[in-house]
Amino acid sequence: MRKIIFFTLFLSVFSFANASLEDNSIIEALEEDAKVLKTDFDLKSFNSCQDMEDVMSSYIKEYWKNNK
């Protein structure tokens, strides 16, 4: 009977010890690799939908040509 009680107490202490541990390795790795980008860009506006389609078509053709 004592063995069962001690075993139960041991398991409960062990389970609480494991529950309190946290794995922060992913968060720490992300914080180390984080970089602040200092890129300034402006969004382009179009006068018509056709203008946008022309620019997008040209972009897609150039992209496809360079990245087959």
PDB file of N, CA and C in Angstrom:
ATOM      1  N   MET A   1       0.823  -1.192   0.000  1.00  0.00           N
ATOM      2  CA  MET A   1       0.000   0.000   0.000  1.00  0.00           C
ATOM      3  C   MET A   1       0.869   1.258   0.000  1.00  0.00           C
ATOM      4  N   ARG A   2       1.966   1.234   0.755  1.00  0.00           N
ATOM      5  CA  ARG A   2       2.857   2.391   0.798  1.00  0.00           C
ATOM      6  C   ARG A   2       3.484   2.650  -0.569  1.00  0.00           C
ATOM      7  N   LYS A   3       3.795   1.564  -1.259  1.00  0.00           N
ATOM      8  CA  LYS A   3       4.408   1.720  -2.578  1.00  0.00           C
ATOM      9  C   LYS A   3       3.465   2.455  -3.528  1.00  0.00           C
ATOM     10  N   ILE A   4       2.205   2.132  -3.470  1.00  0.00           N
ATOM     11  CA  ILE A   4       1.218   2.772  -4.346  1.00  0.00           C
ATOM     12  C   ILE A   4       1.094   4.253  -4.007  1.00  0.00           C
ATOM     13  N   ILE A   5       1.071   4.572  -2.725  1.00  0.00           N
ATOM     14  CA  ILE A   5       0.962   5.979  -2.305  1.00  0.00           C
ATOM     15  C   ILE A   5       2.198   6.758  -2.734  1.00  0.00           C
ATOM     16  N   PHE A   6       3.379   6.198  -2.482  1.00  0.00           N
ATOM     17  CA  PHE A   6       4.611   6.884  -2.891  1.00  0.00           C
ATOM     18  C   PHE A   6       4.697   7.029  -4.407  1.00  0.00           C
ATOM     19  N   PHE A   7       4.288   5.998  -5.116  1.00  0.00           N
ATOM     20  CA  PHE A   7       4.300   6.052  -6.577  1.00  0.00           C
ATOM     21  C   PHE A   7       3.355   7.138  -7.090  1.00  0.00           C
ATOM     22  N   THR A   8       2.173   7.247  -6.519  1.00  0.00           N
ATOM     23  CA  THR A   8       1.205   8.273  -6.901  1.00  0.00           C
ATOM     24  C   THR A   8       1.747   9.666  -6.597  1.00  0.00           C
ATOM     25  N   LEU A   9       2.347   9.849  -5.433  1.00  0.00           N
ATOM     26  CA  LEU A   9       2.944  11.140  -5.090  1.00  0.00           C
ATOM     27  C   LEU A   9       4.091  11.487  -6.033  1.00  0.00           C
ATOM     28  N   PHE A  10       4.913  10.494  -6.357  1.00  0.00           N
ATOM     29  CA  PHE A  10       6.026  10.709  -7.272  1.00  0.00           C
ATOM     30  C   PHE A  10       5.527  11.141  -8.649  1.00  0.00           C
ATOM     31  N   LEU A  11       4.513  10.469  -9.142  1.00  0.00           N
ATOM     32  CA  LEU A  11       3.962  10.833 -10.455  1.00  0.00           C
ATOM     33  C   LEU A  11       3.349  12.227 -10.438  1.00  0.00           C
ATOM     34  N   SER A  12       2.671  12.595  -9.383  1.00  0.00           N
ATOM     35  CA  SER A  12       2.052  13.916  -9.323  1.00  0.00           C
ATOM     36  C   SER A  12       3.115  15.008  -9.263  1.00  0.00           C
ATOM     37  N   VAL A  13       4.184  14.798  -8.479  1.00  0.00           N
ATOM     38  CA  VAL A  13       5.271  15.783  -8.412  1.00  0.00           C
ATOM     39  C   VAL A  13       5.966  15.880  -9.763  1.00  0.00           C
ATOM     40  N   PHE A  14       6.204  14.753 -10.385  1.00  0.00           N
ATOM     41  CA  PHE A  14       6.868  14.731 -11.690  1.00  0.00           C
ATOM     42  C   PHE A  14       6.025  15.433 -12.756  1.00  0.00           C
ATOM     43  N   SER A  15       4.723  15.219 -12.743  1.00  0.00           N
ATOM     44  CA  SER A  15       3.858  15.857 -13.739  1.00  0.00           C
ATOM     45  C   SER A  15       3.796  17.372 -13.530  1.00  0.00           C
ATOM     46  N   PHE A  16       3.795  17.842 -12.292  1.00  0.00           N
ATOM     47  CA  PHE A  16       3.813  19.283 -12.035  1.00  0.00           C
ATOM     48  C   PHE A  16       5.135  19.900 -12.443  1.00  0.00           C
ATOM     49  N   ALA A  17       6.220  19.176 -12.263  1.00  0.00           N
ATOM     50  CA  ALA A  17       7.542  19.691 -12.642  1.00  0.00           C
ATOM     51  C   ALA A  17       7.622  19.848 -14.150  1.00  0.00           C
ATOM     52  N   ASN A  18       7.083  18.905 -14.900  1.00  0.00           N
ATOM     53  CA  ASN A  18       7.101  19.003 -16.357  1.00  0.00           C
ATOM     54  C   ASN A  18       6.173  20.091 -16.868  1.00  0.00           C
ATOM     55  N   ALA A  19       5.072  20.288 -16.203  1.00  0.00           N
ATOM     56  CA  ALA A  19       4.098  21.282 -16.654  1.00  0.00           C
ATOM     57  C   ALA A  19       4.628  22.697 -16.500  1.00  0.00           C
ATOM     58  N   SER A  20       5.528  22.925 -15.577  1.00  0.00           N
ATOM     59  CA  SER A  20       6.011  24.276 -15.337  1.00  0.00           C
ATOM     60  C   SER A  20       7.118  24.690 -16.316  1.00  0.00           C
ATOM     61  N   LEU A  21       7.702  23.750 -17.038  1.00  0.00           N
ATOM     62  CA  LEU A  21       8.755  24.068 -17.994  1.00  0.00           C
ATOM     63  C   LEU A  21       8.143  24.575 -19.295  1.00  0.00           C
ATOM     64  N   GLU A  22       8.735  25.639 -19.840  1.00  0.00           N
ATOM     65  CA  GLU A  22       8.268  26.164 -21.120  1.00  0.00           C
ATOM     66  C   GLU A  22       9.420  26.153 -22.099  1.00  0.00           C
ATOM     67  N   ASP A  23       9.112  25.835 -23.328  1.00  0.00           N
ATOM     68  CA  ASP A  23      10.120  25.841 -24.378  1.00  0.00           C
ATOM     69  C   ASP A  23      10.024  27.160 -25.127  1.00  0.00           C
ATOM     70  N   ASN A  24      10.949  28.066 -24.873  1.00  0.00           N
ATOM     71  CA  ASN A  24      10.978  29.379 -25.511  1.00  0.00           C
ATOM     72  C   ASN A  24      12.000  29.446 -26.637  1.00  0.00           C
ATOM     73  N   SER A  25      12.506  28.320 -27.066  1.00  0.00           N
ATOM     74  CA  SER A  25      13.576  28.331 -28.063  1.00  0.00           C
ATOM     75  C   SER A  25      13.117  28.930 -29.384  1.00  0.00           C
ATOM     76  N   ILE A  26      11.896  28.693 -29.785  1.00  0.00           N
ATOM     77  CA  ILE A  26      11.403  29.237 -31.053  1.00  0.00           C
ATOM     78  C   ILE A  26      11.268  30.755 -30.946  1.00  0.00           C
ATOM     79  N   ILE A  27      10.726  31.234 -29.852  1.00  0.00           N
ATOM     80  CA  ILE A  27      10.567  32.679 -29.662  1.00  0.00           C
ATOM     81  C   ILE A  27      11.925  33.355 -29.609  1.00  0.00           C
ATOM     82  N   GLU A  28      12.868  32.756 -28.904  1.00  0.00           N
ATOM     83  CA  GLU A  28      14.214  33.340 -28.825  1.00  0.00           C
ATOM     84  C   GLU A  28      14.893  33.358 -30.186  1.00  0.00           C
ATOM     85  N   ALA A  29      14.732  32.299 -30.965  1.00  0.00           N
ATOM     86  CA  ALA A  29      15.338  32.250 -32.298  1.00  0.00           C
ATOM     87  C   ALA A  29      14.726  33.311 -33.210  1.00  0.00           C
ATOM     88  N   LEU A  30      13.422  33.519 -33.103  1.00  0.00           N
ATOM     89  CA  LEU A  30      12.774  34.538 -33.929  1.00  0.00           C
ATOM     90  C   LEU A  30      13.212  35.937 -33.526  1.00  0.00           C
ATOM     91  N   GLU A  31      13.392  36.162 -32.242  1.00  0.00           N
ATOM     92  CA  GLU A  31      13.833  37.477 -31.778  1.00  0.00           C
ATOM     93  C   GLU A  31      15.264  37.774 -32.221  1.00  0.00           C
ATOM     94  N   GLU A  32      16.111  36.756 -32.281  1.00  0.00           N
ATOM     95  CA  GLU A  32      17.490  36.949 -32.724  1.00  0.00           C
ATOM     96  C   GLU A  32      17.551  37.280 -34.208  1.00  0.00           C
ATOM     97  N   ASP A  33      16.690  36.643 -35.009  1.00  0.00           N
ATOM     98  CA  ASP A  33      16.729  36.823 -36.454  1.00  0.00           C
ATOM     99  C   ASP A  33      15.909  38.008 -36.942  1.00  0.00           C
ATOM    100  N   ALA A  34      15.193  38.662 -36.045  1.00  0.00           N
ATOM    101  CA  ALA A  34      14.346  39.775 -36.452  1.00  0.00           C
ATOM    102  C   ALA A  34      15.210  40.950 -36.903  1.00  0.00           C
ATOM    103  N   LYS A  35      14.838  41.511 -38.035  1.00  0.00           N
ATOM    104  CA  LYS A  35      15.563  42.653 -38.582  1.00  0.00           C
ATOM    105  C   LYS A  35      14.567  43.766 -38.873  1.00  0.00           C
ATOM    106  N   VAL A  36      14.990  44.972 -38.658  1.00  0.00           N
ATOM    107  CA  VAL A  36      14.154  46.121 -38.984  1.00  0.00           C
ATOM    108  C   VAL A  36      14.512  46.556 -40.389  1.00  0.00           C
ATOM    109  N   LEU A  37      13.535  46.523 -41.259  1.00  0.00           N
ATOM    110  CA  LEU A  37      13.767  46.925 -42.639  1.00  0.00           C
ATOM    111  C   LEU A  37      13.540  48.419 -42.772  1.00  0.00           C
ATOM    112  N   LYS A  38      14.467  49.058 -43.423  1.00  0.00           N
ATOM    113  CA  LYS A  38      14.354  50.496 -43.620  1.00  0.00           C
ATOM    114  C   LYS A  38      14.079  50.787 -45.087  1.00  0.00           C
ATOM    115  N   THR A  39      13.107  50.093 -45.643  1.00  0.00           N
ATOM    116  CA  THR A  39      12.739  50.255 -47.031  1.00  0.00           C
ATOM    117  C   THR A  39      11.543  51.187 -47.117  1.00  0.00           C
ATOM    118  N   ASP A  40      11.688  52.190 -47.923  1.00  0.00           N
ATOM    119  CA  ASP A  40      10.592  53.129 -48.127  1.00  0.00           C
ATOM    120  C   ASP A  40      10.053  52.897 -49.530  1.00  0.00           C
ATOM    121  N   PHE A  41       8.763  52.677 -49.643  1.00  0.00           N
ATOM    122  CA  PHE A  41       8.187  52.470 -50.959  1.00  0.00           C
ATOM    123  C   PHE A  41       6.873  53.232 -51.064  1.00  0.00           C
ATOM    124  N   ASP A  42       6.543  53.565 -52.282  1.00  0.00           N
ATOM    125  CA  ASP A  42       5.300  54.266 -52.551  1.00  0.00           C
ATOM    126  C   ASP A  42       4.398  53.362 -53.379  1.00  0.00           C
ATOM    127  N   LEU A  43       3.144  53.365 -53.061  1.00  0.00           N
ATOM    128  CA  LEU A  43       2.176  52.614 -53.844  1.00  0.00           C
ATOM    129  C   LEU A  43       1.769  53.437 -55.049  1.00  0.00           C
ATOM    130  N   LYS A  44       1.633  52.738 -56.158  1.00  0.00           N
ATOM    131  CA  LYS A  44       1.290  53.425 -57.396  1.00  0.00           C
ATOM    132  C   LYS A  44      -0.219  53.495 -57.541  1.00  0.00           C
ATOM    133  N   SER A  45      -0.695  54.623 -58.014  1.00  0.00           N
ATOM    134  CA  SER A  45      -2.121  54.748 -58.295  1.00  0.00           C
ATOM    135  C   SER A  45      -2.309  54.798 -59.810  1.00  0.00           C
ATOM    136  N   PHE A  46      -3.449  54.348 -60.256  1.00  0.00           N
ATOM    137  CA  PHE A  46      -3.738  54.268 -61.681  1.00  0.00           C
ATOM    138  C   PHE A  46      -4.966  55.108 -62.001  1.00  0.00           C
ATOM    139  N   ASN A  47      -4.979  55.657 -63.210  1.00  0.00           N
ATOM    140  CA  ASN A  47      -6.122  56.460 -63.647  1.00  0.00           C
ATOM    141  C   ASN A  47      -7.281  55.586 -64.106  1.00  0.00           C
ATOM    142  N   SER A  48      -6.959  54.390 -64.559  1.00  0.00           N
ATOM    143  CA  SER A  48      -8.031  53.502 -65.022  1.00  0.00           C
ATOM    144  C   SER A  48      -7.630  52.057 -64.771  1.00  0.00           C
ATOM    145  N   CYS A  49      -8.582  51.192 -64.890  1.00  0.00           N
ATOM    146  CA  CYS A  49      -8.316  49.766 -64.727  1.00  0.00           C
ATOM    147  C   CYS A  49      -7.421  49.259 -65.856  1.00  0.00           C
ATOM    148  N   GLN A  50      -7.573  49.806 -67.028  1.00  0.00           N
ATOM    149  CA  GLN A  50      -6.749  49.392 -68.166  1.00  0.00           C
ATOM    150  C   GLN A  50      -5.274  49.715 -67.906  1.00  0.00           C
ATOM    151  N   ASP A  51      -5.004  50.865 -67.330  1.00  0.00           N
ATOM    152  CA  ASP A  51      -3.617  51.212 -66.987  1.00  0.00           C
ATOM    153  C   ASP A  51      -3.031  50.190 -66.014  1.00  0.00           C
ATOM    154  N   MET A  52      -3.819  49.809 -65.022  1.00  0.00           N
ATOM    155  CA  MET A  52      -3.355  48.814 -64.061  1.00  0.00           C
ATOM    156  C   MET A  52      -3.120  47.474 -64.745  1.00  0.00           C
ATOM    157  N   GLU A  53      -4.008  47.052 -65.601  1.00  0.00           N
ATOM    158  CA  GLU A  53      -3.844  45.785 -66.315  1.00  0.00           C
ATOM    159  C   GLU A  53      -2.595  45.805 -67.190  1.00  0.00           C
ATOM    160  N   ASP A  54      -2.309  46.932 -67.832  1.00  0.00           N
ATOM    161  CA  ASP A  54      -1.116  47.034 -68.671  1.00  0.00           C
ATOM    162  C   ASP A  54       0.156  46.892 -67.830  1.00  0.00           C
ATOM    163  N   VAL A  55       0.197  47.576 -66.708  1.00  0.00           N
ATOM    164  CA  VAL A  55       1.376  47.506 -65.842  1.00  0.00           C
ATOM    165  C   VAL A  55       1.534  46.097 -65.270  1.00  0.00           C
ATOM    166  N   MET A  56       0.442  45.494 -64.810  1.00  0.00           N
ATOM    167  CA  MET A  56       0.520  44.135 -64.257  1.00  0.00           C
ATOM    168  C   MET A  56       0.922  43.129 -65.320  1.00  0.00           C
ATOM    169  N   SER A  57       0.419  43.283 -66.518  1.00  0.00           N
ATOM    170  CA  SER A  57       0.780  42.383 -67.610  1.00  0.00           C
ATOM    171  C   SER A  57       2.273  42.478 -67.919  1.00  0.00           C
ATOM    172  N   SER A  58       2.788  43.692 -67.976  1.00  0.00           N
ATOM    173  CA  SER A  58       4.222  43.882 -68.215  1.00  0.00           C
ATOM    174  C   SER A  58       5.047  43.269 -67.086  1.00  0.00           C
ATOM    175  N   TYR A  59       4.603  43.477 -65.861  1.00  0.00           N
ATOM    176  CA  TYR A  59       5.322  42.930 -64.709  1.00  0.00           C
ATOM    177  C   TYR A  59       5.351  41.404 -64.756  1.00  0.00           C
ATOM    178  N   ILE A  60       4.211  40.799 -65.052  1.00  0.00           N
ATOM    179  CA  ILE A  60       4.135  39.337 -65.088  1.00  0.00           C
ATOM    180  C   ILE A  60       5.008  38.791 -66.212  1.00  0.00           C
ATOM    181  N   LYS A  61       5.030  39.429 -67.362  1.00  0.00           N
ATOM    182  CA  LYS A  61       5.882  38.987 -68.465  1.00  0.00           C
ATOM    183  C   LYS A  61       7.358  39.085 -68.084  1.00  0.00           C
ATOM    184  N   GLU A  62       7.759  40.183 -67.473  1.00  0.00           N
ATOM    185  CA  GLU A  62       9.151  40.350 -67.050  1.00  0.00           C
ATOM    186  C   GLU A  62       9.518  39.328 -65.971  1.00  0.00           C
ATOM    187  N   TYR A  63       8.628  39.135 -65.033  1.00  0.00           N
ATOM    188  CA  TYR A  63       8.883  38.173 -63.964  1.00  0.00           C
ATOM    189  C   TYR A  63       9.044  36.773 -64.532  1.00  0.00           C
ATOM    190  N   TRP A  64       8.163  36.407 -65.435  1.00  0.00           N
ATOM    191  CA  TRP A  64       8.217  35.074 -66.033  1.00  0.00           C
ATOM    192  C   TRP A  64       9.506  34.886 -66.848  1.00  0.00           C
ATOM    193  N   LYS A  65       9.918  35.936 -67.554  1.00  0.00           N
ATOM    194  CA  LYS A  65      11.136  35.881 -68.351  1.00  0.00           C
ATOM    195  C   LYS A  65      12.365  35.690 -67.453  1.00  0.00           C
ATOM    196  N   ASN A  66      12.387  36.357 -66.317  1.00  0.00           N
ATOM    197  CA  ASN A  66      13.543  36.302 -65.430  1.00  0.00           C
ATOM    198  C   ASN A  66      13.544  35.104 -64.482  1.00  0.00           C
ATOM    199  N   ASN A  67      12.383  34.487 -64.233  1.00  0.00           N
ATOM    200  CA  ASN A  67      12.290  33.423 -63.216  1.00  0.00           C
ATOM    201  C   ASN A  67      11.600  32.166 -63.758  1.00  0.00           C
ATOM    202  N   LYS A  68      12.061  31.658 -64.863  1.00  0.00           N
ATOM    203  CA  LYS A  68      11.428  30.445 -65.413  1.00  0.00           C
ATOM    204  C   LYS A  68      11.713  29.239 -64.574  1.00  0.00           C
TER     205      LYS A  68
END
